[in-house]
Amino acid sequence: MTRSRAHDPNVCGVTAAIAVIDGKWKTGVLWLLESGPQRPGELRRKLPGLSEKVLTQALREMVEDGLVHREVHDVLPLKTVYSLTDFGRELSELLGPLSDWGHRRLERLAAS
């Protein structure tokens, strides 16, 4: 799915929502930011396999989409902290039931 679909007014709402969280890492970042503001290094340590480049790109897109707030503290070395916006928190709460459904699906597959 392309990023442009996240901004296309001619797609259904579900497609627009999924375009915002599309990718391997964004839902994990949302989940981690639910517990409070985090620095990029903290996010990388908690998501093994996530490269600095991919994290930076995901966070930029999430800031652009209004899900995440980026705050830079003017100290040396620069300290950057990311947190959920109200819009991002709303999305995170809405993903809860979808996560529950996904777990039920996995249990069903395991039982088959």
PDB file of N, CA and C in Angstrom:
ATOM      1  N   MET A   1       0.850  -1.165   0.000  1.00  0.00           N
ATOM      2  CA  MET A   1       0.000   0.000   0.000  1.00  0.00           C
ATOM      3  C   MET A   1       0.894   1.226   0.000  1.00  0.00           C
ATOM      4  N   THR A   2       0.550   2.212  -0.774  1.00  0.00           N
ATOM      5  CA  THR A   2       1.406   3.382  -0.861  1.00  0.00           C
ATOM      6  C   THR A   2       0.980   4.452   0.136  1.00  0.00           C
ATOM      7  N   ARG A   3       1.938   5.281   0.518  1.00  0.00           N
ATOM      8  CA  ARG A   3       1.670   6.370   1.458  1.00  0.00           C
ATOM      9  C   ARG A   3       0.630   7.327   0.915  1.00  0.00           C
ATOM     10  N   SER A   4       0.570   7.496  -0.391  1.00  0.00           N
ATOM     11  CA  SER A   4      -0.373   8.453  -0.962  1.00  0.00           C
ATOM     12  C   SER A   4      -1.815   8.087  -0.629  1.00  0.00           C
ATOM     13  N   ARG A   5      -2.081   6.807  -0.389  1.00  0.00           N
ATOM     14  CA  ARG A   5      -3.445   6.388  -0.063  1.00  0.00           C
ATOM     15  C   ARG A   5      -3.878   6.909   1.301  1.00  0.00           C
ATOM     16  N   ALA A   6      -2.926   7.248   2.152  1.00  0.00           N
ATOM     17  CA  ALA A   6      -3.262   7.786   3.466  1.00  0.00           C
ATOM     18  C   ALA A   6      -3.856   9.185   3.349  1.00  0.00           C
ATOM     19  N   HIS A   7      -3.624   9.840   2.224  1.00  0.00           N
ATOM     20  CA  HIS A   7      -4.095  11.212   2.026  1.00  0.00           C
ATOM     21  C   HIS A   7      -5.117  11.318   0.901  1.00  0.00           C
ATOM     22  N   ASP A   8      -5.471  10.216   0.284  1.00  0.00           N
ATOM     23  CA  ASP A   8      -6.387  10.217  -0.852  1.00  0.00           C
ATOM     24  C   ASP A   8      -7.826  10.242  -0.350  1.00  0.00           C
ATOM     25  N   PRO A   9      -8.580  11.323  -0.648  1.00  0.00           N
ATOM     26  CA  PRO A   9      -9.958  11.407  -0.164  1.00  0.00           C
ATOM     27  C   PRO A   9     -10.911  10.451  -0.882  1.00  0.00           C
ATOM     28  N   ASN A  10     -10.444   9.782  -1.932  1.00  0.00           N
ATOM     29  CA  ASN A  10     -11.305   8.910  -2.718  1.00  0.00           C
ATOM     30  C   ASN A  10     -11.171   7.433  -2.362  1.00  0.00           C
ATOM     31  N   VAL A  11     -10.556   7.119  -1.228  1.00  0.00           N
ATOM     32  CA  VAL A  11     -10.457   5.726  -0.786  1.00  0.00           C
ATOM     33  C   VAL A  11     -11.378   5.551   0.419  1.00  0.00           C
ATOM     34  N   CYS A  12     -11.702   4.310   0.712  1.00  0.00           N
ATOM     35  CA  CYS A  12     -12.560   4.072   1.878  1.00  0.00           C
ATOM     36  C   CYS A  12     -11.787   4.388   3.153  1.00  0.00           C
ATOM     37  N   GLY A  13     -12.492   4.624   4.230  1.00  0.00           N
ATOM     38  CA  GLY A  13     -11.868   4.995   5.502  1.00  0.00           C
ATOM     39  C   GLY A  13     -10.932   3.945   6.045  1.00  0.00           C
ATOM     40  N   VAL A  14     -11.275   2.671   5.861  1.00  0.00           N
ATOM     41  CA  VAL A  14     -10.414   1.597   6.362  1.00  0.00           C
ATOM     42  C   VAL A  14      -9.081   1.613   5.628  1.00  0.00           C
ATOM     43  N   THR A  15      -9.122   1.813   4.319  1.00  0.00           N
ATOM     44  CA  THR A  15      -7.880   1.884   3.532  1.00  0.00           C
ATOM     45  C   THR A  15      -7.028   3.056   3.984  1.00  0.00           C
ATOM     46  N   ALA A  16      -7.655   4.201   4.221  1.00  0.00           N
ATOM     47  CA  ALA A  16      -6.920   5.385   4.673  1.00  0.00           C
ATOM     48  C   ALA A  16      -6.293   5.141   6.045  1.00  0.00           C
ATOM     49  N   ALA A  17      -7.008   4.449   6.919  1.00  0.00           N
ATOM     50  CA  ALA A  17      -6.484   4.167   8.256  1.00  0.00           C
ATOM     51  C   ALA A  17      -5.324   3.176   8.188  1.00  0.00           C
ATOM     52  N   ILE A  18      -5.479   2.135   7.392  1.00  0.00           N
ATOM     53  CA  ILE A  18      -4.424   1.128   7.281  1.00  0.00           C
ATOM     54  C   ILE A  18      -3.178   1.712   6.629  1.00  0.00           C
ATOM     55  N   ALA A  19      -3.354   2.632   5.705  1.00  0.00           N
ATOM     56  CA  ALA A  19      -2.200   3.265   5.057  1.00  0.00           C
ATOM     57  C   ALA A  19      -1.336   4.011   6.078  1.00  0.00           C
ATOM     58  N   VAL A  20      -1.944   4.521   7.131  1.00  0.00           N
ATOM     59  CA  VAL A  20      -1.213   5.270   8.150  1.00  0.00           C
ATOM     60  C   VAL A  20      -0.372   4.344   9.030  1.00  0.00           C
ATOM     61  N   ILE A  21      -0.818   3.101   9.227  1.00  0.00           N
ATOM     62  CA  ILE A  21      -0.077   2.170  10.093  1.00  0.00           C
ATOM     63  C   ILE A  21       0.585   1.060   9.296  1.00  0.00           C
ATOM     64  N   ASP A  22       0.578   1.183   7.978  1.00  0.00           N
ATOM     65  CA  ASP A  22       1.158   0.166   7.114  1.00  0.00           C
ATOM     66  C   ASP A  22       2.657   0.039   7.380  1.00  0.00           C
ATOM     67  N   GLY A  23       3.142  -1.158   7.332  1.00  0.00           N
ATOM     68  CA  GLY A  23       4.555  -1.410   7.555  1.00  0.00           C
ATOM     69  C   GLY A  23       4.748  -2.314   8.753  1.00  0.00           C
ATOM     70  N   LYS A  24       5.944  -2.805   8.874  1.00  0.00           N
ATOM     71  CA  LYS A  24       6.250  -3.800   9.902  1.00  0.00           C
ATOM     72  C   LYS A  24       6.332  -3.209  11.304  1.00  0.00           C
ATOM     73  N   TRP A  25       6.722  -1.937  11.446  1.00  0.00           N
ATOM     74  CA  TRP A  25       7.103  -1.418  12.749  1.00  0.00           C
ATOM     75  C   TRP A  25       6.161  -0.393  13.369  1.00  0.00           C
ATOM     76  N   LYS A  26       5.309   0.238  12.590  1.00  0.00           N
ATOM     77  CA  LYS A  26       4.513   1.354  13.124  1.00  0.00           C
ATOM     78  C   LYS A  26       3.581   0.948  14.253  1.00  0.00           C
ATOM     79  N   THR A  27       2.952  -0.208  14.151  1.00  0.00           N
ATOM     80  CA  THR A  27       2.052  -0.616  15.237  1.00  0.00           C
ATOM     81  C   THR A  27       2.847  -0.885  16.511  1.00  0.00           C
ATOM     82  N   GLY A  28       4.032  -1.427  16.383  1.00  0.00           N
ATOM     83  CA  GLY A  28       4.886  -1.638  17.549  1.00  0.00           C
ATOM     84  C   GLY A  28       5.308  -0.327  18.190  1.00  0.00           C
ATOM     85  N   VAL A  29       5.636   0.660  17.378  1.00  0.00           N
ATOM     86  CA  VAL A  29       6.008   1.973  17.897  1.00  0.00           C
ATOM     87  C   VAL A  29       4.811   2.598  18.613  1.00  0.00           C
ATOM     88  N   LEU A  30       3.623   2.511  18.007  1.00  0.00           N
ATOM     89  CA  LEU A  30       2.417   3.029  18.668  1.00  0.00           C
ATOM     90  C   LEU A  30       2.222   2.367  20.023  1.00  0.00           C
ATOM     91  N   TRP A  31       2.363   1.060  20.048  1.00  0.00           N
ATOM     92  CA  TRP A  31       2.168   0.298  21.277  1.00  0.00           C
ATOM     93  C   TRP A  31       3.152   0.749  22.357  1.00  0.00           C
ATOM     94  N   LEU A  32       4.412   0.941  21.987  1.00  0.00           N
ATOM     95  CA  LEU A  32       5.413   1.375  22.966  1.00  0.00           C
ATOM     96  C   LEU A  32       5.156   2.794  23.461  1.00  0.00           C
ATOM     97  N   LEU A  33       4.700   3.665  22.560  1.00  0.00           N
ATOM     98  CA  LEU A  33       4.457   5.054  22.956  1.00  0.00           C
ATOM     99  C   LEU A  33       3.208   5.209  23.821  1.00  0.00           C
ATOM    100  N   GLU A  34       2.358   4.173  23.860  1.00  0.00           N
ATOM    101  CA  GLU A  34       1.196   4.212  24.756  1.00  0.00           C
ATOM    102  C   GLU A  34       1.628   4.352  26.208  1.00  0.00           C
ATOM    103  N   SER A  35       2.785   3.812  26.547  1.00  0.00           N
ATOM    104  CA  SER A  35       3.247   3.844  27.937  1.00  0.00           C
ATOM    105  C   SER A  35       3.920   5.168  28.292  1.00  0.00           C
ATOM    106  N   GLY A  36       4.090   6.057  27.325  1.00  0.00           N
ATOM    107  CA  GLY A  36       4.669   7.365  27.608  1.00  0.00           C
ATOM    108  C   GLY A  36       5.751   7.737  26.619  1.00  0.00           C
ATOM    109  N   PRO A  37       6.251   8.978  26.714  1.00  0.00           N
ATOM    110  CA  PRO A  37       7.277   9.468  25.795  1.00  0.00           C
ATOM    111  C   PRO A  37       8.528   8.589  25.813  1.00  0.00           C
ATOM    112  N   GLN A  38       9.143   8.461  24.641  1.00  0.00           N
ATOM    113  CA  GLN A  38      10.336   7.620  24.514  1.00  0.00           C
ATOM    114  C   GLN A  38      11.332   8.306  23.584  1.00  0.00           C
ATOM    115  N   ARG A  39      12.600   8.049  23.843  1.00  0.00           N
ATOM    116  CA  ARG A  39      13.661   8.494  22.945  1.00  0.00           C
ATOM    117  C   ARG A  39      13.841   7.434  21.869  1.00  0.00           C
ATOM    118  N   PRO A  40      14.371   7.813  20.699  1.00  0.00           N
ATOM    119  CA  PRO A  40      14.548   6.840  19.613  1.00  0.00           C
ATOM    120  C   PRO A  40      15.376   5.625  20.012  1.00  0.00           C
ATOM    121  N   GLY A  41      16.421   5.832  20.789  1.00  0.00           N
ATOM    122  CA  GLY A  41      17.256   4.706  21.220  1.00  0.00           C
ATOM    123  C   GLY A  41      16.482   3.707  22.068  1.00  0.00           C
ATOM    124  N   GLU A  42      15.573   4.217  22.895  1.00  0.00           N
ATOM    125  CA  GLU A  42      14.744   3.333  23.719  1.00  0.00           C
ATOM    126  C   GLU A  42      13.827   2.488  22.829  1.00  0.00           C
ATOM    127  N   LEU A  43      13.244   3.129  21.819  1.00  0.00           N
ATOM    128  CA  LEU A  43      12.359   2.409  20.901  1.00  0.00           C
ATOM    129  C   LEU A  43      13.125   1.307  20.170  1.00  0.00           C
ATOM    130  N   ARG A  44      14.333   1.618  19.704  1.00  0.00           N
ATOM    131  CA  ARG A  44      15.133   0.619  18.987  1.00  0.00           C
ATOM    132  C   ARG A  44      15.499  -0.564  19.870  1.00  0.00           C
ATOM    133  N   ARG A  45      15.848  -0.289  21.124  1.00  0.00           N
ATOM    134  CA  ARG A  45      16.197  -1.377  22.041  1.00  0.00           C
ATOM    135  C   ARG A  45      15.005  -2.290  22.310  1.00  0.00           C
ATOM    136  N   LYS A  46      13.820  -1.721  22.323  1.00  0.00           N
ATOM    137  CA  LYS A  46      12.618  -2.501  22.630  1.00  0.00           C
ATOM    138  C   LYS A  46      12.029  -3.207  21.412  1.00  0.00           C
ATOM    139  N   LEU A  47      12.523  -2.865  20.229  1.00  0.00           N
ATOM    140  CA  LEU A  47      12.064  -3.499  18.991  1.00  0.00           C
ATOM    141  C   LEU A  47      13.268  -4.088  18.254  1.00  0.00           C
ATOM    142  N   PRO A  48      13.767  -5.230  18.707  1.00  0.00           N
ATOM    143  CA  PRO A  48      14.945  -5.840  18.083  1.00  0.00           C
ATOM    144  C   PRO A  48      14.731  -6.053  16.580  1.00  0.00           C
ATOM    145  N   GLY A  49      15.754  -5.734  15.818  1.00  0.00           N
ATOM    146  CA  GLY A  49      15.675  -5.890  14.372  1.00  0.00           C
ATOM    147  C   GLY A  49      15.310  -4.610  13.646  1.00  0.00           C
ATOM    148  N   LEU A  50      14.872  -3.615  14.385  1.00  0.00           N
ATOM    149  CA  LEU A  50      14.501  -2.326  13.792  1.00  0.00           C
ATOM    150  C   LEU A  50      15.752  -1.477  13.608  1.00  0.00           C
ATOM    151  N   SER A  51      16.039  -1.098  12.371  1.00  0.00           N
ATOM    152  CA  SER A  51      17.228  -0.288  12.110  1.00  0.00           C
ATOM    153  C   SER A  51      16.940   1.184  12.400  1.00  0.00           C
ATOM    154  N   GLU A  52      17.992   1.933  12.620  1.00  0.00           N
ATOM    155  CA  GLU A  52      17.862   3.366  12.886  1.00  0.00           C
ATOM    156  C   GLU A  52      17.198   4.071  11.697  1.00  0.00           C
ATOM    157  N   LYS A  53      17.588   3.695  10.493  1.00  0.00           N
ATOM    158  CA  LYS A  53      17.037   4.311   9.289  1.00  0.00           C
ATOM    159  C   LYS A  53      15.528   4.082   9.180  1.00  0.00           C
ATOM    160  N   VAL A  54      15.101   2.845   9.387  1.00  0.00           N
ATOM    161  CA  VAL A  54      13.679   2.516   9.272  1.00  0.00           C
ATOM    162  C   VAL A  54      12.887   3.182  10.398  1.00  0.00           C
ATOM    163  N   LEU A  55      13.441   3.217  11.610  1.00  0.00           N
ATOM    164  CA  LEU A  55      12.770   3.891  12.711  1.00  0.00           C
ATOM    165  C   LEU A  55      12.598   5.370  12.411  1.00  0.00           C
ATOM    166  N   THR A  56      13.653   5.997  11.925  1.00  0.00           N
ATOM    167  CA  THR A  56      13.589   7.424  11.597  1.00  0.00           C
ATOM    168  C   THR A  56      12.506   7.691  10.557  1.00  0.00           C
ATOM    169  N   GLN A  57      12.453   6.864   9.513  1.00  0.00           N
ATOM    170  CA  GLN A  57      11.453   7.036   8.463  1.00  0.00           C
ATOM    171  C   GLN A  57      10.039   6.842   9.016  1.00  0.00           C
ATOM    172  N   ALA A  58       9.850   5.803   9.833  1.00  0.00           N
ATOM    173  CA  ALA A  58       8.527   5.531  10.411  1.00  0.00           C
ATOM    174  C   ALA A  58       8.086   6.686  11.307  1.00  0.00           C
ATOM    175  N   LEU A  59       8.992   7.176  12.145  1.00  0.00           N
ATOM    176  CA  LEU A  59       8.643   8.284  13.031  1.00  0.00           C
ATOM    177  C   LEU A  59       8.329   9.550  12.244  1.00  0.00           C
ATOM    178  N   ARG A  60       9.075   9.826  11.184  1.00  0.00           N
ATOM    179  CA  ARG A  60       8.782  10.999  10.348  1.00  0.00           C
ATOM    180  C   ARG A  60       7.385  10.906   9.754  1.00  0.00           C
ATOM    181  N   GLU A  61       7.052   9.722   9.239  1.00  0.00           N
ATOM    182  CA  GLU A  61       5.720   9.536   8.649  1.00  0.00           C
ATOM    183  C   GLU A  61       4.635   9.663   9.714  1.00  0.00           C
ATOM    184  N   MET A  62       4.879   9.134  10.890  1.00  0.00           N
ATOM    185  CA  MET A  62       3.884   9.203  11.956  1.00  0.00           C
ATOM    186  C   MET A  62       3.702  10.635  12.464  1.00  0.00           C
ATOM    187  N   VAL A  63       4.779  11.423  12.470  1.00  0.00           N
ATOM    188  CA  VAL A  63       4.670  12.841  12.819  1.00  0.00           C
ATOM    189  C   VAL A  63       3.863  13.551  11.738  1.00  0.00           C
ATOM    190  N   GLU A  64       4.191  13.276  10.476  1.00  0.00           N
ATOM    191  CA  GLU A  64       3.482  13.891   9.341  1.00  0.00           C
ATOM    192  C   GLU A  64       1.990  13.560   9.371  1.00  0.00           C
ATOM    193  N   ASP A  65       1.651  12.342   9.797  1.00  0.00           N
ATOM    194  CA  ASP A  65       0.257  11.915   9.849  1.00  0.00           C
ATOM    195  C   ASP A  65      -0.460  12.369  11.119  1.00  0.00           C
ATOM    196  N   GLY A  66       0.257  13.051  12.002  1.00  0.00           N
ATOM    197  CA  GLY A  66      -0.367  13.597  13.205  1.00  0.00           C
ATOM    198  C   GLY A  66      -0.542  12.601  14.332  1.00  0.00           C
ATOM    199  N   LEU A  67       0.125  11.457  14.259  1.00  0.00           N
ATOM    200  CA  LEU A  67      -0.006  10.433  15.293  1.00  0.00           C
ATOM    201  C   LEU A  67       0.979  10.626  16.432  1.00  0.00           C
ATOM    202  N   VAL A  68       2.131  11.189  16.105  1.00  0.00           N
ATOM    203  CA  VAL A  68       3.246  11.284  17.049  1.00  0.00           C
ATOM    204  C   VAL A  68       3.738  12.725  17.100  1.00  0.00           C
ATOM    205  N   HIS A  69       4.112  13.152  18.305  1.00  0.00           N
ATOM    206  CA  HIS A  69       4.696  14.476  18.514  1.00  0.00           C
ATOM    207  C   HIS A  69       6.195  14.312  18.727  1.00  0.00           C
ATOM    208  N   ARG A  70       6.981  15.134  18.049  1.00  0.00           N
ATOM    209  CA  ARG A  70       8.438  15.116  18.182  1.00  0.00           C
ATOM    210  C   ARG A  70       8.865  16.365  18.934  1.00  0.00           C
ATOM    211  N   GLU A  71       9.573  16.164  20.035  1.00  0.00           N
ATOM    212  CA  GLU A  71      10.044  17.286  20.839  1.00  0.00           C
ATOM    213  C   GLU A  71      11.562  17.214  20.944  1.00  0.00           C
ATOM    214  N   VAL A  72      12.213  18.294  20.551  1.00  0.00           N
ATOM    215  CA  VAL A  72      13.673  18.354  20.618  1.00  0.00           C
ATOM    216  C   VAL A  72      14.058  19.286  21.762  1.00  0.00           C
ATOM    217  N   HIS A  73      14.833  18.768  22.707  1.00  0.00           N
ATOM    218  CA  HIS A  73      15.310  19.550  23.838  1.00  0.00           C
ATOM    219  C   HIS A  73      16.662  20.142  23.470  1.00  0.00           C
ATOM    220  N   ASP A  74      16.825  21.421  23.722  1.00  0.00           N
ATOM    221  CA  ASP A  74      18.035  22.145  23.346  1.00  0.00           C
ATOM    222  C   ASP A  74      19.131  21.957  24.395  1.00  0.00           C
ATOM    223  N   VAL A  75      19.672  20.754  24.416  1.00  0.00           N
ATOM    224  CA  VAL A  75      20.803  20.433  25.287  1.00  0.00           C
ATOM    225  C   VAL A  75      21.843  19.736  24.430  1.00  0.00           C
ATOM    226  N   LEU A  76      23.052  19.647  24.923  1.00  0.00           N
ATOM    227  CA  LEU A  76      24.086  18.946  24.179  1.00  0.00           C
ATOM    228  C   LEU A  76      24.393  17.631  24.863  1.00  0.00           C
ATOM    229  N   PRO A  77      24.365  16.522  24.181  1.00  0.00           N
ATOM    230  CA  PRO A  77      23.875  16.381  22.810  1.00  0.00           C
ATOM    231  C   PRO A  77      22.358  16.558  22.762  1.00  0.00           C
ATOM    232  N   LEU A  78      21.859  16.876  21.558  1.00  0.00           N
ATOM    233  CA  LEU A  78      20.428  17.088  21.405  1.00  0.00           C
ATOM    234  C   LEU A  78      19.646  15.881  21.903  1.00  0.00           C
ATOM    235  N   LYS A  79      18.549  16.146  22.558  1.00  0.00           N
ATOM    236  CA  LYS A  79      17.705  15.084  23.092  1.00  0.00           C
ATOM    237  C   LYS A  79      16.346  15.175  22.388  1.00  0.00           C
ATOM    238  N   THR A  80      15.980  14.120  21.677  1.00  0.00           N
ATOM    239  CA  THR A  80      14.704  14.076  20.976  1.00  0.00           C
ATOM    240  C   THR A  80      13.806  13.059  21.666  1.00  0.00           C
ATOM    241  N   VAL A  81      12.567  13.456  21.898  1.00  0.00           N
ATOM    242  CA  VAL A  81      11.599  12.596  22.569  1.00  0.00           C
ATOM    243  C   VAL A  81      10.339  12.544  21.721  1.00  0.00           C
ATOM    244  N   TYR A  82       9.789  11.338  21.588  1.00  0.00           N
ATOM    245  CA  TYR A  82       8.555  11.142  20.825  1.00  0.00           C
ATOM    246  C   TYR A  82       7.443  10.713  21.771  1.00  0.00           C
ATOM    247  N   SER A  83       6.237  11.213  21.500  1.00  0.00           N
ATOM    248  CA  SER A  83       5.071  10.836  22.295  1.00  0.00           C
ATOM    249  C   SER A  83       3.856  10.795  21.376  1.00  0.00           C
ATOM    250  N   LEU A  84       2.814  10.129  21.844  1.00  0.00           N
ATOM    251  CA  LEU A  84       1.582  10.071  21.065  1.00  0.00           C
ATOM    252  C   LEU A  84       0.831  11.392  21.175  1.00  0.00           C
ATOM    253  N   THR A  85       0.246  11.819  20.070  1.00  0.00           N
ATOM    254  CA  THR A  85      -0.685  12.936  20.098  1.00  0.00           C
ATOM    255  C   THR A  85      -2.045  12.381  20.524  1.00  0.00           C
ATOM    256  N   ASP A  86      -3.007  13.239  20.749  1.00  0.00           N
ATOM    257  CA  ASP A  86      -4.352  12.767  21.062  1.00  0.00           C
ATOM    258  C   ASP A  86      -4.900  11.922  19.909  1.00  0.00           C
ATOM    259  N   PHE A  87      -4.589  12.337  18.686  1.00  0.00           N
ATOM    260  CA  PHE A  87      -5.026  11.613  17.487  1.00  0.00           C
ATOM    261  C   PHE A  87      -4.381  10.227  17.440  1.00  0.00           C
ATOM    262  N   GLY A  88      -3.111  10.151  17.787  1.00  0.00           N
ATOM    263  CA  GLY A  88      -2.406   8.873  17.821  1.00  0.00           C
ATOM    264  C   GLY A  88      -2.920   7.971  18.927  1.00  0.00           C
ATOM    265  N   ARG A  89      -3.240   8.563  20.071  1.00  0.00           N
ATOM    266  CA  ARG A  89      -3.794   7.788  21.182  1.00  0.00           C
ATOM    267  C   ARG A  89      -5.163   7.219  20.806  1.00  0.00           C
ATOM    268  N   GLU A  90      -5.958   8.019  20.101  1.00  0.00           N
ATOM    269  CA  GLU A  90      -7.271   7.550  19.638  1.00  0.00           C
ATOM    270  C   GLU A  90      -7.105   6.344  18.709  1.00  0.00           C
ATOM    271  N   LEU A  91      -6.177   6.434  17.767  1.00  0.00           N
ATOM    272  CA  LEU A  91      -5.925   5.314  16.861  1.00  0.00           C
ATOM    273  C   LEU A  91      -5.460   4.092  17.635  1.00  0.00           C
ATOM    274  N   SER A  92      -4.573   4.294  18.582  1.00  0.00           N
ATOM    275  CA  SER A  92      -4.050   3.184  19.371  1.00  0.00           C
ATOM    276  C   SER A  92      -5.179   2.476  20.126  1.00  0.00           C
ATOM    277  N   GLU A  93      -6.100   3.233  20.680  1.00  0.00           N
ATOM    278  CA  GLU A  93      -7.241   2.644  21.386  1.00  0.00           C
ATOM    279  C   GLU A  93      -8.140   1.867  20.419  1.00  0.00           C
ATOM    280  N   LEU A  94      -8.309   2.388  19.216  1.00  0.00           N
ATOM    281  CA  LEU A  94      -9.151   1.710  18.234  1.00  0.00           C
ATOM    282  C   LEU A  94      -8.524   0.419  17.721  1.00  0.00           C
ATOM    283  N   LEU A  95      -7.205   0.335  17.775  1.00  0.00           N
ATOM    284  CA  LEU A  95      -6.525  -0.875  17.331  1.00  0.00           C
ATOM    285  C   LEU A  95      -6.643  -2.017  18.340  1.00  0.00           C
ATOM    286  N   GLY A  96      -7.024  -1.705  19.583  1.00  0.00           N
ATOM    287  CA  GLY A  96      -7.183  -2.732  20.615  1.00  0.00           C
ATOM    288  C   GLY A  96      -8.129  -3.851  20.194  1.00  0.00           C
ATOM    289  N   PRO A  97      -9.360  -3.529  19.771  1.00  0.00           N
ATOM    290  CA  PRO A  97     -10.273  -4.589  19.333  1.00  0.00           C
ATOM    291  C   PRO A  97      -9.759  -5.357  18.113  1.00  0.00           C
ATOM    292  N   LEU A  98      -9.057  -4.687  17.221  1.00  0.00           N
ATOM    293  CA  LEU A  98      -8.485  -5.369  16.065  1.00  0.00           C
ATOM    294  C   LEU A  98      -7.412  -6.357  16.520  1.00  0.00           C
ATOM    295  N   SER A  99      -6.616  -5.958  17.488  1.00  0.00           N
ATOM    296  CA  SER A  99      -5.602  -6.853  18.056  1.00  0.00           C
ATOM    297  C   SER A  99      -6.261  -8.069  18.688  1.00  0.00           C
ATOM    298  N   ASP A 100      -7.344  -7.845  19.435  1.00  0.00           N
ATOM    299  CA  ASP A 100      -8.073  -8.964  20.052  1.00  0.00           C
ATOM    300  C   ASP A 100      -8.561  -9.936  18.986  1.00  0.00           C
ATOM    301  N   TRP A 101      -9.105  -9.400  17.909  1.00  0.00           N
ATOM    302  CA  TRP A 101      -9.593 -10.231  16.807  1.00  0.00           C
ATOM    303  C   TRP A 101      -8.432 -11.036  16.213  1.00  0.00           C
ATOM    304  N   GLY A 102      -7.287 -10.386  16.034  1.00  0.00           N
ATOM    305  CA  GLY A 102      -6.118 -11.070  15.482  1.00  0.00           C
ATOM    306  C   GLY A 102      -5.661 -12.222  16.366  1.00  0.00           C
ATOM    307  N   HIS A 103      -5.668 -12.016  17.684  1.00  0.00           N
ATOM    308  CA  HIS A 103      -5.293 -13.101  18.601  1.00  0.00           C
ATOM    309  C   HIS A 103      -6.289 -14.256  18.522  1.00  0.00           C
ATOM    310  N   ARG A 104      -7.586 -13.947  18.425  1.00  0.00           N
ATOM    311  CA  ARG A 104      -8.587 -15.007  18.289  1.00  0.00           C
ATOM    312  C   ARG A 104      -8.370 -15.776  16.986  1.00  0.00           C
ATOM    313  N   ARG A 105      -8.027 -15.063  15.935  1.00  0.00           N
ATOM    314  CA  ARG A 105      -7.755 -15.724  14.642  1.00  0.00           C
ATOM    315  C   ARG A 105      -6.583 -16.676  14.760  1.00  0.00           C
ATOM    316  N   LEU A 106      -5.507 -16.236  15.416  1.00  0.00           N
ATOM    317  CA  LEU A 106      -4.326 -17.082  15.589  1.00  0.00           C
ATOM    318  C   LEU A 106      -4.646 -18.315  16.411  1.00  0.00           C
ATOM    319  N   GLU A 107      -5.461 -18.153  17.456  1.00  0.00           N
ATOM    320  CA  GLU A 107      -5.874 -19.310  18.266  1.00  0.00           C
ATOM    321  C   GLU A 107      -6.681 -20.292  17.428  1.00  0.00           C
ATOM    322  N   ARG A 108      -7.523 -19.765  16.583  1.00  0.00           N
ATOM    323  CA  ARG A 108      -8.351 -20.591  15.707  1.00  0.00           C
ATOM    324  C   ARG A 108      -7.488 -21.381  14.717  1.00  0.00           C
ATOM    325  N   LEU A 109      -6.485 -20.697  14.173  1.00  0.00           N
ATOM    326  CA  LEU A 109      -5.577 -21.370  13.241  1.00  0.00           C
ATOM    327  C   LEU A 109      -4.779 -22.454  13.942  1.00  0.00           C
ATOM    328  N   ALA A 110      -4.355 -22.185  15.163  1.00  0.00           N
ATOM    329  CA  ALA A 110      -3.576 -23.170  15.921  1.00  0.00           C
ATOM    330  C   ALA A 110      -4.421 -24.386  16.261  1.00  0.00           C
ATOM    331  N   ALA A 111      -5.721 -24.192  16.463  1.00  0.00           N
ATOM    332  CA  ALA A 111      -6.613 -25.286  16.803  1.00  0.00           C
ATOM    333  C   ALA A 111      -6.964 -26.153  15.595  1.00  0.00           C
ATOM    334  N   SER A 112      -6.772 -25.626  14.406  1.00  0.00           N
ATOM    335  CA  SER A 112      -7.123 -26.367  13.182  1.00  0.00           C
ATOM    336  C   SER A 112      -6.136 -27.464  12.853  1.00  0.00           C
TER     337      SER A 112
END
